[in-house]
Amino acid sequence: MTTSTLFDLFTQHNAVWLITASVFSLLVGSFLNVLILRLPKAMQAEWEQECQALLQPSKQEHEPLAPALAAIAWPASHCPSCLTPLKAWHNIPVISYVLLRGKCAFCGIKISSQYPLVELLTAVLGLLVAWVLGPHVSTLMALILVYMLVALAVIDLDHKLLPDQLTLPLMWLGLIVNAMGIITSLEDAFWGAVAGYLCLWLIYWGFRLATGRHGMGYGDFKLLAALGAWLGWQALPLIVLVSAVAGIVVALVLRLRSTPTDPQMPFGPFLSAGGLVYLLWGEPLWRLFQL
């Protein structure tokens, strides 16, 4: 079956398209959990080894670690507490968590609810993207962007970290996708990447010179550059606006509920939300602002 025939089938049977996108996104969500858990740990191990090599250069060198991204694929899935390898039925997204009542089948230690939540979030966003954008090649590319945004947002929430191993490939992939004009033109994508980085870089240095403090991390610059590469420079004002408003609203809600707030609240989830909003409803929102 050719790609065009497959999209014709999806166009004629919208329910099949939506179910396929949802189930596939649910499976991707299971992989994202592995990425979210293992990539920061592998990066931390790399940093510790590099620090040891700098502090103790005279000692025998340690065996080099595998690159951080390679550590994602190995070892096979296992319980993070007892390290027992999981069986196939333990890895069914959401269903396994429910059947096991949120506990490891071997040691009985509680499993973090983040795992099914990430899977459900990815499935819901996949369904939303498929529903709004319809069965097109550009939708498949948009799904890749959304999956990466989910991983980056959760990693930033957990570790206040936006890894170069994800943000930089995401930026280059956006430029490659738009070299074929799939979402926007290559020219708009190029200037989107440049403007996205410089926009937050200038804000960062303005805030630092004025206050002497760090307002955000360099990963935020790279994430906005990646969003510019995918969606074009025209998307940046709305993305920044939505991100800023969302961050202010969340901070106010936490303050009103007397919830302790982190002075270094990660900005990556809000940028991801802004990118998602523009991806799905950017043009209607611009028309609304122009009224």
C-alpha atoms as a PDB file:
ATOM      1  CA  MET A   1       0.000   0.000   0.000  1.00  0.00           C
ATOM      2  CA  THR A   2       1.452   3.347  -1.068  1.00  0.00           C
ATOM      3  CA  THR A   3       1.522   6.380   1.178  1.00  0.00           C
ATOM      4  CA  SER A   4      -1.057   8.213  -0.922  1.00  0.00           C
ATOM      5  CA  THR A   5      -3.392   5.198  -0.799  1.00  0.00           C
ATOM      6  CA  LEU A   6      -2.995   5.007   2.960  1.00  0.00           C
ATOM      7  CA  PHE A   7      -3.833   8.690   3.379  1.00  0.00           C
ATOM      8  CA  ASP A   8      -6.837   8.236   1.074  1.00  0.00           C
ATOM      9  CA  LEU A   9      -8.041   5.472   3.409  1.00  0.00           C
ATOM     10  CA  PHE A  10      -7.584   7.708   6.435  1.00  0.00           C
ATOM     11  CA  THR A  11      -9.402  10.571   4.685  1.00  0.00           C
ATOM     12  CA  GLN A  12     -12.375   8.352   3.878  1.00  0.00           C
ATOM     13  CA  HIS A  13     -12.453   6.783   7.354  1.00  0.00           C
ATOM     14  CA  ASN A  14     -11.682   9.528   9.828  1.00  0.00           C
ATOM     15  CA  ALA A  15     -12.284   7.266  12.822  1.00  0.00           C
ATOM     16  CA  VAL A  16      -9.567   4.875  11.611  1.00  0.00           C
ATOM     17  CA  TRP A  17      -7.172   7.816  11.292  1.00  0.00           C
ATOM     18  CA  LEU A  18      -7.895   9.086  14.800  1.00  0.00           C
ATOM     19  CA  ILE A  19      -7.676   5.646  16.412  1.00  0.00           C
ATOM     20  CA  THR A  20      -4.399   4.891  14.604  1.00  0.00           C
ATOM     21  CA  ALA A  21      -2.861   8.199  15.679  1.00  0.00           C
ATOM     22  CA  SER A  22      -4.002   7.683  19.284  1.00  0.00           C
ATOM     23  CA  VAL A  23      -2.726   4.113  19.619  1.00  0.00           C
ATOM     24  CA  PHE A  24       0.576   4.942  17.932  1.00  0.00           C
ATOM     25  CA  SER A  25       1.034   7.970  20.188  1.00  0.00           C
ATOM     26  CA  LEU A  26       0.280   5.824  23.239  1.00  0.00           C
ATOM     27  CA  LEU A  27       3.084   3.445  22.225  1.00  0.00           C
ATOM     28  CA  VAL A  28       5.420   6.385  21.606  1.00  0.00           C
ATOM     29  CA  GLY A  29       4.554   7.646  25.085  1.00  0.00           C
ATOM     30  CA  SER A  30       5.911   4.405  26.527  1.00  0.00           C
ATOM     31  CA  PHE A  31       9.222   5.020  24.742  1.00  0.00           C
ATOM     32  CA  LEU A  32       9.253   8.638  25.911  1.00  0.00           C
ATOM     33  CA  ASN A  33       9.162   7.382  29.492  1.00  0.00           C
ATOM     34  CA  VAL A  34      12.404   5.516  28.837  1.00  0.00           C
ATOM     35  CA  LEU A  35      13.938   8.615  27.270  1.00  0.00           C
ATOM     36  CA  ILE A  36      12.795  10.853  30.130  1.00  0.00           C
ATOM     37  CA  LEU A  37      14.170   8.474  32.768  1.00  0.00           C
ATOM     38  CA  ARG A  38      17.461   7.402  31.226  1.00  0.00           C
ATOM     39  CA  LEU A  39      18.810  10.396  29.311  1.00  0.00           C
ATOM     40  CA  PRO A  40      19.324  12.682  32.349  1.00  0.00           C
ATOM     41  CA  LYS A  41      20.898   9.803  34.311  1.00  0.00           C
ATOM     42  CA  ALA A  42      23.302   9.040  31.475  1.00  0.00           C
ATOM     43  CA  MET A  43      24.204  12.725  31.166  1.00  0.00           C
ATOM     44  CA  GLN A  44      24.812  12.927  34.917  1.00  0.00           C
ATOM     45  CA  ALA A  45      27.126   9.898  34.727  1.00  0.00           C
ATOM     46  CA  GLU A  46      29.051  11.545  31.873  1.00  0.00           C
ATOM     47  CA  TRP A  47      29.440  14.785  33.853  1.00  0.00           C
ATOM     48  CA  GLU A  48      30.631  12.955  36.961  1.00  0.00           C
ATOM     49  CA  GLN A  49      33.244  11.041  34.985  1.00  0.00           C
ATOM     50  CA  GLU A  50      34.470  14.230  33.312  1.00  0.00           C
ATOM     51  CA  CYS A  51      34.739  15.959  36.710  1.00  0.00           C
ATOM     52  CA  GLN A  52      36.693  13.032  38.159  1.00  0.00           C
ATOM     53  CA  ALA A  53      39.073  13.133  35.210  1.00  0.00           C
ATOM     54  CA  LEU A  54      39.665  16.863  35.775  1.00  0.00           C
ATOM     55  CA  LEU A  55      40.052  16.647  39.550  1.00  0.00           C
ATOM     56  CA  GLN A  56      42.164  13.483  39.584  1.00  0.00           C
ATOM     57  CA  PRO A  57      44.111  13.458  36.293  1.00  0.00           C
ATOM     58  CA  SER A  58      46.922  11.309  37.742  1.00  0.00           C
ATOM     59  CA  LYS A  59      44.629   8.375  38.485  1.00  0.00           C
ATOM     60  CA  GLN A  60      44.053   5.619  35.985  1.00  0.00           C
ATOM     61  CA  GLU A  61      41.397   6.617  33.495  1.00  0.00           C
ATOM     62  CA  HIS A  62      37.965   5.142  33.909  1.00  0.00           C
ATOM     63  CA  GLU A  63      36.450   3.025  31.192  1.00  0.00           C
ATOM     64  CA  PRO A  64      34.665   5.437  28.851  1.00  0.00           C
ATOM     65  CA  LEU A  65      30.888   5.508  29.146  1.00  0.00           C
ATOM     66  CA  ALA A  66      28.558   4.934  26.235  1.00  0.00           C
ATOM     67  CA  PRO A  67      27.128   8.150  24.763  1.00  0.00           C
ATOM     68  CA  ALA A  68      24.062   9.391  26.625  1.00  0.00           C
ATOM     69  CA  LEU A  69      21.678   8.584  23.769  1.00  0.00           C
ATOM     70  CA  ALA A  70      23.099   5.049  23.446  1.00  0.00           C
ATOM     71  CA  ALA A  71      22.303   4.433  27.126  1.00  0.00           C
ATOM     72  CA  ILE A  72      18.609   4.765  26.317  1.00  0.00           C
ATOM     73  CA  ALA A  73      18.492   1.513  24.368  1.00  0.00           C
ATOM     74  CA  TRP A  74      20.399  -0.606  26.885  1.00  0.00           C
ATOM     75  CA  PRO A  75      19.752  -2.375  29.218  1.00  0.00           C
ATOM     76  CA  ALA A  76      16.278  -3.740  28.567  1.00  0.00           C
ATOM     77  CA  SER A  77      13.341  -2.373  30.540  1.00  0.00           C
ATOM     78  CA  HIS A  78      13.598  -3.190  34.240  1.00  0.00           C
ATOM     79  CA  CYS A  79      12.245  -2.126  37.612  1.00  0.00           C
ATOM     80  CA  PRO A  80      14.197   0.967  38.771  1.00  0.00           C
ATOM     81  CA  SER A  81      14.069  -0.332  42.365  1.00  0.00           C
ATOM     82  CA  CYS A  82      14.919  -4.053  42.224  1.00  0.00           C
ATOM     83  CA  LEU A  83      16.406  -3.966  38.664  1.00  0.00           C
ATOM     84  CA  THR A  84      14.475  -7.115  37.662  1.00  0.00           C
ATOM     85  CA  PRO A  85      13.916  -7.238  33.867  1.00  0.00           C
ATOM     86  CA  LEU A  86      10.289  -6.680  32.955  1.00  0.00           C
ATOM     87  CA  LYS A  87       8.208  -9.122  30.961  1.00  0.00           C
ATOM     88  CA  ALA A  88       6.428  -8.078  27.773  1.00  0.00           C
ATOM     89  CA  TRP A  89       3.032  -7.733  29.425  1.00  0.00           C
ATOM     90  CA  HIS A  90       4.525  -5.408  32.041  1.00  0.00           C
ATOM     91  CA  ASN A  91       5.222  -2.854  29.303  1.00  0.00           C
ATOM     92  CA  ILE A  92       1.722  -2.409  27.881  1.00  0.00           C
ATOM     93  CA  PRO A  93       1.084   1.349  28.099  1.00  0.00           C
ATOM     94  CA  VAL A  94      -1.333   2.350  30.896  1.00  0.00           C
ATOM     95  CA  ILE A  95      -2.956  -1.115  31.003  1.00  0.00           C
ATOM     96  CA  SER A  96       0.029  -2.718  32.759  1.00  0.00           C
ATOM     97  CA  TYR A  97       0.060   0.057  35.365  1.00  0.00           C
ATOM     98  CA  VAL A  98      -3.634  -0.526  36.094  1.00  0.00           C
ATOM     99  CA  LEU A  99      -3.321  -4.323  36.221  1.00  0.00           C
ATOM    100  CA  LEU A 100      -0.313  -4.105  38.547  1.00  0.00           C
ATOM    101  CA  ARG A 101      -2.129  -1.513  40.688  1.00  0.00           C
ATOM    102  CA  GLY A 102       0.772   0.849  40.331  1.00  0.00           C
ATOM    103  CA  LYS A 103       3.318  -1.522  41.892  1.00  0.00           C
ATOM    104  CA  CYS A 104       6.265  -3.571  40.646  1.00  0.00           C
ATOM    105  CA  ALA A 105       5.259  -7.187  39.963  1.00  0.00           C
ATOM    106  CA  PHE A 106       8.470  -8.434  41.639  1.00  0.00           C
ATOM    107  CA  CYS A 107       9.339  -6.220  44.614  1.00  0.00           C
ATOM    108  CA  GLY A 108       5.995  -4.494  45.171  1.00  0.00           C
ATOM    109  CA  ILE A 109       7.534  -1.001  45.233  1.00  0.00           C
ATOM    110  CA  LYS A 110       5.146   1.723  44.076  1.00  0.00           C
ATOM    111  CA  ILE A 111       5.607   2.769  40.450  1.00  0.00           C
ATOM    112  CA  SER A 112       5.571   6.507  39.757  1.00  0.00           C
ATOM    113  CA  SER A 113       2.265   7.723  38.323  1.00  0.00           C
ATOM    114  CA  GLN A 114       4.333   9.804  35.898  1.00  0.00           C
ATOM    115  CA  TYR A 115       4.643   6.760  33.607  1.00  0.00           C
ATOM    116  CA  PRO A 116       0.937   6.353  32.741  1.00  0.00           C
ATOM    117  CA  LEU A 117       0.418  10.125  32.798  1.00  0.00           C
ATOM    118  CA  VAL A 118       3.110  10.644  30.132  1.00  0.00           C
ATOM    119  CA  GLU A 119       1.601   7.852  28.038  1.00  0.00           C
ATOM    120  CA  LEU A 120      -1.914   9.283  28.341  1.00  0.00           C
ATOM    121  CA  LEU A 121      -0.702  12.831  27.658  1.00  0.00           C
ATOM    122  CA  THR A 122       1.113  11.698  24.508  1.00  0.00           C
ATOM    123  CA  ALA A 123      -1.939   9.768  23.318  1.00  0.00           C
ATOM    124  CA  VAL A 124      -4.306  12.696  23.951  1.00  0.00           C
ATOM    125  CA  LEU A 125      -2.001  15.165  22.191  1.00  0.00           C
ATOM    126  CA  GLY A 126      -1.561  12.745  19.293  1.00  0.00           C
ATOM    127  CA  LEU A 127      -5.347  12.470  18.982  1.00  0.00           C
ATOM    128  CA  LEU A 128      -5.709  16.261  19.150  1.00  0.00           C
ATOM    129  CA  VAL A 129      -3.078  16.864  16.467  1.00  0.00           C
ATOM    130  CA  ALA A 130      -4.610  14.209  14.204  1.00  0.00           C
ATOM    131  CA  TRP A 131      -8.083  15.655  14.696  1.00  0.00           C
ATOM    132  CA  VAL A 132      -7.157  19.305  14.104  1.00  0.00           C
ATOM    133  CA  LEU A 133      -4.638  18.867  11.267  1.00  0.00           C
ATOM    134  CA  GLY A 134      -6.158  15.849   9.492  1.00  0.00           C
ATOM    135  CA  PRO A 135      -4.446  13.008   7.575  1.00  0.00           C
ATOM    136  CA  HIS A 136      -1.490  14.678   5.838  1.00  0.00           C
ATOM    137  CA  VAL A 137       2.276  14.203   5.663  1.00  0.00           C
ATOM    138  CA  SER A 138       2.655  17.483   7.545  1.00  0.00           C
ATOM    139  CA  THR A 139       0.632  15.964  10.395  1.00  0.00           C
ATOM    140  CA  LEU A 140       3.099  13.106  10.723  1.00  0.00           C
ATOM    141  CA  MET A 141       5.912  15.651  11.024  1.00  0.00           C
ATOM    142  CA  ALA A 142       3.853  17.633  13.536  1.00  0.00           C
ATOM    143  CA  LEU A 143       3.434  14.491  15.644  1.00  0.00           C
ATOM    144  CA  ILE A 144       7.217  14.081  15.812  1.00  0.00           C
ATOM    145  CA  LEU A 145       7.497  17.671  17.033  1.00  0.00           C
ATOM    146  CA  VAL A 146       4.821  17.090  19.684  1.00  0.00           C
ATOM    147  CA  TYR A 147       6.476  13.895  20.937  1.00  0.00           C
ATOM    148  CA  MET A 148       9.775  15.718  21.369  1.00  0.00           C
ATOM    149  CA  LEU A 149       8.073  18.609  23.155  1.00  0.00           C
ATOM    150  CA  VAL A 150       6.483  16.198  25.632  1.00  0.00           C
ATOM    151  CA  ALA A 151       9.864  14.624  26.419  1.00  0.00           C
ATOM    152  CA  LEU A 152      11.583  18.003  26.792  1.00  0.00           C
ATOM    153  CA  ALA A 153       8.807  19.446  28.978  1.00  0.00           C
ATOM    154  CA  VAL A 154       8.830  16.518  31.408  1.00  0.00           C
ATOM    155  CA  ILE A 155      12.643  16.384  31.603  1.00  0.00           C
ATOM    156  CA  ASP A 156      12.702  20.113  32.328  1.00  0.00           C
ATOM    157  CA  LEU A 157      10.071  19.693  35.049  1.00  0.00           C
ATOM    158  CA  ASP A 158      12.004  16.831  36.640  1.00  0.00           C
ATOM    159  CA  HIS A 159      15.575  18.106  36.282  1.00  0.00           C
ATOM    160  CA  LYS A 160      15.444  21.761  35.141  1.00  0.00           C
ATOM    161  CA  LEU A 161      17.314  20.600  32.077  1.00  0.00           C
ATOM    162  CA  LEU A 162      16.733  20.843  28.323  1.00  0.00           C
ATOM    163  CA  PRO A 163      19.349  18.469  26.861  1.00  0.00           C
ATOM    164  CA  ASP A 164      21.311  19.491  23.782  1.00  0.00           C
ATOM    165  CA  GLN A 165      20.916  15.863  22.692  1.00  0.00           C
ATOM    166  CA  LEU A 166      17.238  16.671  22.045  1.00  0.00           C
ATOM    167  CA  THR A 167      16.987  20.413  21.367  1.00  0.00           C
ATOM    168  CA  LEU A 168      19.704  20.605  18.711  1.00  0.00           C
ATOM    169  CA  PRO A 169      18.547  17.583  16.645  1.00  0.00           C
ATOM    170  CA  LEU A 170      15.011  18.957  16.928  1.00  0.00           C
ATOM    171  CA  MET A 171      16.168  22.272  15.457  1.00  0.00           C
ATOM    172  CA  TRP A 172      18.054  20.615  12.589  1.00  0.00           C
ATOM    173  CA  LEU A 173      15.135  18.291  11.879  1.00  0.00           C
ATOM    174  CA  GLY A 174      12.829  21.311  11.645  1.00  0.00           C
ATOM    175  CA  LEU A 175      15.124  22.900   9.070  1.00  0.00           C
ATOM    176  CA  ILE A 176      15.289  19.645   7.090  1.00  0.00           C
ATOM    177  CA  VAL A 177      11.504  19.202   7.165  1.00  0.00           C
ATOM    178  CA  ASN A 178      10.983  22.755   5.964  1.00  0.00           C
ATOM    179  CA  ALA A 179      13.650  22.446   3.292  1.00  0.00           C
ATOM    180  CA  MET A 180      10.878  20.427   1.646  1.00  0.00           C
ATOM    181  CA  GLY A 181       8.290  23.094   2.522  1.00  0.00           C
ATOM    182  CA  ILE A 182       6.222  20.690   4.621  1.00  0.00           C
ATOM    183  CA  ILE A 183       5.159  23.146   7.361  1.00  0.00           C
ATOM    184  CA  THR A 184       6.657  26.492   6.296  1.00  0.00           C
ATOM    185  CA  SER A 185       9.303  27.759   3.885  1.00  0.00           C
ATOM    186  CA  LEU A 186      13.007  27.122   4.477  1.00  0.00           C
ATOM    187  CA  GLU A 187      13.645  30.871   4.595  1.00  0.00           C
ATOM    188  CA  ASP A 188      11.034  31.374   7.331  1.00  0.00           C
ATOM    189  CA  ALA A 189      12.389  28.340   9.200  1.00  0.00           C
ATOM    190  CA  PHE A 190      15.981  29.607   9.030  1.00  0.00           C
ATOM    191  CA  TRP A 191      15.104  33.048  10.364  1.00  0.00           C
ATOM    192  CA  GLY A 192      12.817  31.421  12.905  1.00  0.00           C
ATOM    193  CA  ALA A 193      15.759  29.470  14.316  1.00  0.00           C
ATOM    194  CA  VAL A 194      17.990  32.565  14.367  1.00  0.00           C
ATOM    195  CA  ALA A 195      15.350  34.858  15.883  1.00  0.00           C
ATOM    196  CA  GLY A 196      14.201  32.224  18.359  1.00  0.00           C
ATOM    197  CA  TYR A 197      17.660  31.884  19.845  1.00  0.00           C
ATOM    198  CA  LEU A 198      18.482  35.599  19.829  1.00  0.00           C
ATOM    199  CA  CYS A 199      15.133  36.611  21.305  1.00  0.00           C
ATOM    200  CA  LEU A 200      15.614  34.786  24.614  1.00  0.00           C
ATOM    201  CA  TRP A 201      19.375  35.364  24.568  1.00  0.00           C
ATOM    202  CA  LEU A 202      18.785  39.125  24.583  1.00  0.00           C
ATOM    203  CA  ILE A 203      16.148  38.827  27.325  1.00  0.00           C
ATOM    204  CA  TYR A 204      18.525  36.672  29.382  1.00  0.00           C
ATOM    205  CA  TRP A 205      21.418  39.138  29.173  1.00  0.00           C
ATOM    206  CA  GLY A 206      19.165  42.149  29.725  1.00  0.00           C
ATOM    207  CA  PHE A 207      17.805  40.568  32.911  1.00  0.00           C
ATOM    208  CA  ARG A 208      21.254  39.484  34.059  1.00  0.00           C
ATOM    209  CA  LEU A 209      22.809  42.918  33.536  1.00  0.00           C
ATOM    210  CA  ALA A 210      19.888  44.572  35.325  1.00  0.00           C
ATOM    211  CA  THR A 211      19.657  42.223  38.306  1.00  0.00           C
ATOM    212  CA  GLY A 212      22.900  40.228  38.371  1.00  0.00           C
ATOM    213  CA  ARG A 213      20.877  36.997  38.349  1.00  0.00           C
ATOM    214  CA  HIS A 214      20.197  34.257  35.817  1.00  0.00           C
ATOM    215  CA  GLY A 215      16.665  34.463  34.478  1.00  0.00           C
ATOM    216  CA  MET A 216      16.644  31.282  32.392  1.00  0.00           C
ATOM    217  CA  GLY A 217      18.917  28.600  30.986  1.00  0.00           C
ATOM    218  CA  TYR A 218      20.564  28.316  27.595  1.00  0.00           C
ATOM    219  CA  GLY A 219      18.387  25.305  26.849  1.00  0.00           C
ATOM    220  CA  ASP A 220      15.400  27.647  26.614  1.00  0.00           C
ATOM    221  CA  PHE A 221      17.162  29.579  23.823  1.00  0.00           C
ATOM    222  CA  LYS A 222      17.732  26.363  21.887  1.00  0.00           C
ATOM    223  CA  LEU A 223      14.173  25.124  22.386  1.00  0.00           C
ATOM    224  CA  LEU A 224      12.708  28.375  21.042  1.00  0.00           C
ATOM    225  CA  ALA A 225      15.176  28.204  18.141  1.00  0.00           C
ATOM    226  CA  ALA A 226      13.907  24.679  17.414  1.00  0.00           C
ATOM    227  CA  LEU A 227      10.295  25.883  17.493  1.00  0.00           C
ATOM    228  CA  GLY A 228      11.230  28.696  15.110  1.00  0.00           C
ATOM    229  CA  ALA A 229      12.870  26.175  12.785  1.00  0.00           C
ATOM    230  CA  TRP A 230       9.685  24.088  12.731  1.00  0.00           C
ATOM    231  CA  LEU A 231       7.015  26.799  12.653  1.00  0.00           C
ATOM    232  CA  GLY A 232       8.781  29.837  11.145  1.00  0.00           C
ATOM    233  CA  TRP A 233       9.696  33.223  12.557  1.00  0.00           C
ATOM    234  CA  GLN A 234       6.069  34.365  12.366  1.00  0.00           C
ATOM    235  CA  ALA A 235       5.217  31.924  15.157  1.00  0.00           C
ATOM    236  CA  LEU A 236       7.662  33.346  17.697  1.00  0.00           C
ATOM    237  CA  PRO A 237       5.656  36.335  19.059  1.00  0.00           C
ATOM    238  CA  LEU A 238       2.617  34.188  19.778  1.00  0.00           C
ATOM    239  CA  ILE A 239       4.705  31.364  21.267  1.00  0.00           C
ATOM    240  CA  VAL A 240       6.495  33.765  23.616  1.00  0.00           C
ATOM    241  CA  LEU A 241       3.199  35.467  24.539  1.00  0.00           C
ATOM    242  CA  VAL A 242       1.410  32.191  25.318  1.00  0.00           C
ATOM    243  CA  SER A 243       4.436  30.900  27.235  1.00  0.00           C
ATOM    244  CA  ALA A 244       4.723  34.039  29.345  1.00  0.00           C
ATOM    245  CA  VAL A 245       0.986  34.198  30.109  1.00  0.00           C
ATOM    246  CA  ALA A 246       0.872  30.495  30.989  1.00  0.00           C
ATOM    247  CA  GLY A 247       3.884  30.864  33.293  1.00  0.00           C
ATOM    248  CA  ILE A 248       2.332  33.867  35.063  1.00  0.00           C
ATOM    249  CA  VAL A 249      -1.028  32.108  35.493  1.00  0.00           C
ATOM    250  CA  VAL A 250       0.574  28.974  36.935  1.00  0.00           C
ATOM    251  CA  ALA A 251       2.718  31.026  39.314  1.00  0.00           C
ATOM    252  CA  LEU A 252      -0.336  33.002  40.494  1.00  0.00           C
ATOM    253  CA  VAL A 253      -2.411  29.846  41.026  1.00  0.00           C
ATOM    254  CA  LEU A 254       0.380  28.280  43.073  1.00  0.00           C
ATOM    255  CA  ARG A 255       0.742  31.486  45.086  1.00  0.00           C
ATOM    256  CA  LEU A 256      -3.009  31.696  45.788  1.00  0.00           C
ATOM    257  CA  ARG A 257      -3.014  28.078  46.924  1.00  0.00           C
ATOM    258  CA  SER A 258      -0.048  28.844  49.217  1.00  0.00           C
ATOM    259  CA  THR A 259       1.957  26.209  47.384  1.00  0.00           C
ATOM    260  CA  PRO A 260       5.721  26.730  47.736  1.00  0.00           C
ATOM    261  CA  THR A 261       6.985  28.004  44.390  1.00  0.00           C
ATOM    262  CA  ASP A 262      10.426  27.397  42.975  1.00  0.00           C
ATOM    263  CA  PRO A 263      12.180  30.708  42.159  1.00  0.00           C
ATOM    264  CA  GLN A 264      13.809  28.842  39.260  1.00  0.00           C
ATOM    265  CA  MET A 265      10.591  27.532  37.721  1.00  0.00           C
ATOM    266  CA  PRO A 266      11.449  25.728  34.451  1.00  0.00           C
ATOM    267  CA  PHE A 267      10.315  27.593  31.342  1.00  0.00           C
ATOM    268  CA  GLY A 268      10.588  24.664  28.919  1.00  0.00           C
ATOM    269  CA  PRO A 269       7.067  23.302  29.586  1.00  0.00           C
ATOM    270  CA  PHE A 270       5.557  26.723  28.893  1.00  0.00           C
ATOM    271  CA  LEU A 271       7.538  27.119  25.658  1.00  0.00           C
ATOM    272  CA  SER A 272       6.371  23.637  24.637  1.00  0.00           C
ATOM    273  CA  ALA A 273       2.768  24.614  25.364  1.00  0.00           C
ATOM    274  CA  GLY A 274       3.177  27.803  23.329  1.00  0.00           C
ATOM    275  CA  GLY A 275       4.576  25.821  20.407  1.00  0.00           C
ATOM    276  CA  LEU A 276       1.693  23.346  20.584  1.00  0.00           C
ATOM    277  CA  VAL A 277      -0.903  26.144  20.665  1.00  0.00           C
ATOM    278  CA  TYR A 278       0.622  27.782  17.589  1.00  0.00           C
ATOM    279  CA  LEU A 279       0.931  24.459  15.757  1.00  0.00           C
ATOM    280  CA  LEU A 280      -2.781  23.751  16.213  1.00  0.00           C
ATOM    281  CA  TRP A 281      -4.434  27.180  16.280  1.00  0.00           C
ATOM    282  CA  GLY A 282      -1.801  29.707  15.207  1.00  0.00           C
ATOM    283  CA  GLU A 283      -3.598  31.089  12.168  1.00  0.00           C
ATOM    284  CA  PRO A 284      -7.055  31.500  13.851  1.00  0.00           C
ATOM    285  CA  LEU A 285      -5.393  33.238  16.814  1.00  0.00           C
ATOM    286  CA  TRP A 286      -3.536  35.672  14.551  1.00  0.00           C
ATOM    287  CA  ARG A 287      -6.787  36.493  12.773  1.00  0.00           C
ATOM    288  CA  LEU A 288      -8.414  37.084  16.167  1.00  0.00           C
ATOM    289  CA  PHE A 289      -5.680  39.514  17.207  1.00  0.00           C
ATOM    290  CA  GLN A 290      -6.052  41.403  13.922  1.00  0.00           C
ATOM    291  CA  LEU A 291      -9.751  42.100  14.482  1.00  0.00           C
END
